[in-house]
Amino acid sequence: MNVQPIEGITPSALWTTASVLLGLAGIAIIIFKIVEFRWKWVDRKQTEKAKGQAPVEDLDARLKSIESRLNSIDEKLSSDKRRLETLERQQDDADEGFRVLCKATLALLNNVLHNGNGDEMEAAQKALQNYLIEK
């Protein structure tokens, strides 16, 4: 195998060409590594941001859950309050009726003990009649 040298190519020109090619390859590798580092850095930042956002989104969901539970409790409390007010009114009415019956019984007892106190009996009858008719 007999290779003929190309005219005008010297060993120093070959070394210069090889140096330039290696330099270009080195520059390409450096640029590639810089771009790769940048991608990894951006990915890391996005991952950290996503990790940071996860608790906030979880808190939003928990807050909505708590608000719905509080609304439900408020509705139940208002219903219970209305029911208690109704029971208190009924208790007040029952207490008033009991007072009227006690007055009527006292009037009967006084009538029996004092032999015919008709005015007291008449007032007790009217009070009992008014209570029974009005309620």
Protein backbone atom coordinates (compact mmCIF):
# COMPACT_ATOMS: atom_id res chain seq x y z
CA MET A 1 0.00 0.00 0.00
CA ASN A 2 1.71 3.00 -1.23
CA VAL A 3 0.11 6.31 -0.22
CA GLN A 4 1.11 9.38 -2.06
CA PRO A 5 1.29 12.56 0.03
CA ILE A 6 -1.01 15.35 -0.94
CA GLU A 7 0.84 18.37 -2.06
CA GLY A 8 0.87 21.31 0.31
CA ILE A 9 -0.11 19.35 3.44
CA THR A 10 2.53 19.48 6.05
CA PRO A 11 2.63 17.82 9.42
CA SER A 12 2.20 21.19 11.15
CA ALA A 13 -0.92 21.87 9.05
CA LEU A 14 -2.29 18.47 10.09
CA TRP A 15 -1.59 19.27 13.74
CA THR A 16 -3.29 22.65 13.38
CA THR A 17 -6.34 21.05 11.75
CA ALA A 18 -6.53 18.37 14.45
CA SER A 19 -6.21 21.03 17.17
CA VAL A 20 -9.01 23.09 15.64
CA LEU A 21 -11.27 20.02 15.34
CA LEU A 22 -10.55 18.98 18.93
CA GLY A 23 -11.16 22.56 20.09
CA LEU A 24 -14.50 22.68 18.27
CA ALA A 25 -15.46 19.31 19.76
CA GLY A 26 -14.48 20.60 23.22
CA ILE A 27 -16.52 23.77 22.74
CA ALA A 28 -19.50 21.67 21.57
CA ILE A 29 -19.16 19.44 24.64
CA ILE A 30 -18.95 22.47 26.95
CA ILE A 31 -22.03 24.03 25.35
CA PHE A 32 -23.89 20.70 25.64
CA LYS A 33 -22.97 20.42 29.35
CA ILE A 34 -24.07 24.00 30.01
CA VAL A 35 -27.43 23.34 28.34
CA GLU A 36 -27.79 20.03 30.24
CA PHE A 37 -26.96 21.79 33.53
CA ARG A 38 -29.55 24.46 32.75
CA TRP A 39 -32.23 21.83 32.00
CA LYS A 40 -31.48 20.01 35.24
CA TRP A 41 -31.54 23.30 37.15
CA VAL A 42 -34.93 24.27 35.63
CA ASP A 43 -36.30 20.78 36.35
CA ARG A 44 -35.10 21.00 39.95
CA LYS A 45 -36.71 24.42 40.36
CA GLN A 46 -39.99 23.16 38.91
CA THR A 47 -39.91 20.11 41.18
CA GLU A 48 -39.27 22.30 44.22
CA LYS A 49 -42.05 24.63 43.18
CA ALA A 50 -44.45 21.70 42.71
CA LYS A 51 -43.48 20.36 46.15
CA GLY A 52 -44.07 23.80 47.59
CA GLN A 53 -47.48 24.09 45.91
CA ALA A 54 -48.70 20.66 47.05
CA PRO A 55 -49.21 21.65 50.70
CA VAL A 56 -51.00 24.84 49.66
CA GLU A 57 -53.39 22.90 47.44
CA ASP A 58 -53.91 20.40 50.25
CA LEU A 59 -54.69 23.26 52.64
CA ASP A 60 -57.21 24.69 50.18
CA ALA A 61 -59.02 21.35 50.02
CA ARG A 62 -58.98 21.04 53.82
CA LEU A 63 -60.25 24.59 54.20
CA LYS A 64 -63.17 23.92 51.84
CA SER A 65 -63.99 20.74 53.77
CA ILE A 66 -63.93 22.60 57.08
CA GLU A 67 -66.10 25.41 55.68
CA SER A 68 -68.71 22.93 54.44
CA ARG A 69 -68.72 21.20 57.84
CA LEU A 70 -69.13 24.56 59.60
CA ASN A 71 -72.03 25.48 57.31
CA SER A 72 -73.68 22.16 58.15
CA ILE A 73 -73.16 22.76 61.87
CA ASP A 74 -74.57 26.30 61.55
CA GLU A 75 -77.71 24.93 59.88
CA LYS A 76 -78.13 22.33 62.62
CA LEU A 77 -77.60 24.95 65.33
CA SER A 78 -80.19 27.29 63.84
CA SER A 79 -82.65 24.39 63.59
CA ASP A 80 -81.97 23.44 67.22
CA LYS A 81 -82.36 27.07 68.29
CA ARG A 82 -85.77 27.31 66.60
CA ARG A 83 -86.84 24.06 68.24
CA LEU A 84 -85.65 25.24 71.68
CA GLU A 85 -87.49 28.54 71.29
CA THR A 86 -90.66 26.62 70.44
CA LEU A 87 -90.19 24.38 73.48
CA GLU A 88 -89.60 27.41 75.71
CA ARG A 89 -92.82 29.03 74.46
CA GLN A 90 -94.70 25.80 75.10
CA GLN A 91 -93.15 25.55 78.58
CA ASP A 92 -94.15 29.15 79.33
CA ASP A 93 -97.71 28.38 78.20
CA ALA A 94 -97.77 25.24 80.35
CA ASP A 95 -96.46 27.21 83.35
CA GLU A 96 -99.15 29.85 82.84
CA GLY A 97 -101.81 27.13 82.67
CA PHE A 98 -100.47 25.54 85.82
CA ARG A 99 -100.64 28.90 87.63
CA VAL A 100 -104.25 29.38 86.51
CA LEU A 101 -105.19 25.88 87.68
CA CYS A 102 -103.46 26.47 91.01
CA LYS A 103 -105.37 29.73 91.47
CA ALA A 104 -108.63 27.96 90.64
CA THR A 105 -107.84 25.17 93.12
CA LEU A 106 -106.90 27.74 95.77
CA ALA A 107 -110.17 29.57 95.12
CA LEU A 108 -112.10 26.29 95.57
CA LEU A 109 -110.22 25.57 98.79
CA ASN A 110 -110.89 29.08 100.09
CA ASN A 111 -114.55 28.73 99.12
CA VAL A 112 -114.85 25.51 101.07
CA LEU A 113 -112.95 26.87 104.06
CA HIS A 114 -114.69 30.27 104.19
CA ASN A 115 -118.20 29.14 103.21
CA GLY A 116 -119.00 30.65 99.88
CA ASN A 117 -116.58 33.37 98.78
CA GLY A 118 -118.23 33.78 95.37
CA ASP A 119 -116.15 36.69 94.09
CA GLU A 120 -112.94 34.67 94.31
CA MET A 121 -114.59 31.70 92.62
CA GLU A 122 -115.93 33.90 89.84
CA ALA A 123 -112.49 35.48 89.18
CA ALA A 124 -110.84 32.04 89.15
CA GLN A 125 -113.49 30.74 86.74
CA LYS A 126 -112.94 33.66 84.36
CA ALA A 127 -109.13 33.22 84.49
CA LEU A 128 -109.42 29.48 83.80
CA GLN A 129 -111.97 30.03 81.07
CA ASN A 130 -109.77 32.67 79.38
CA TYR A 131 -106.76 30.37 79.53
CA LEU A 132 -108.65 27.41 78.08
CA ILE A 133 -110.25 29.45 75.31
CA GLU A 134 -107.13 31.43 74.34
CA LYS A 135 -104.73 28.52 74.35
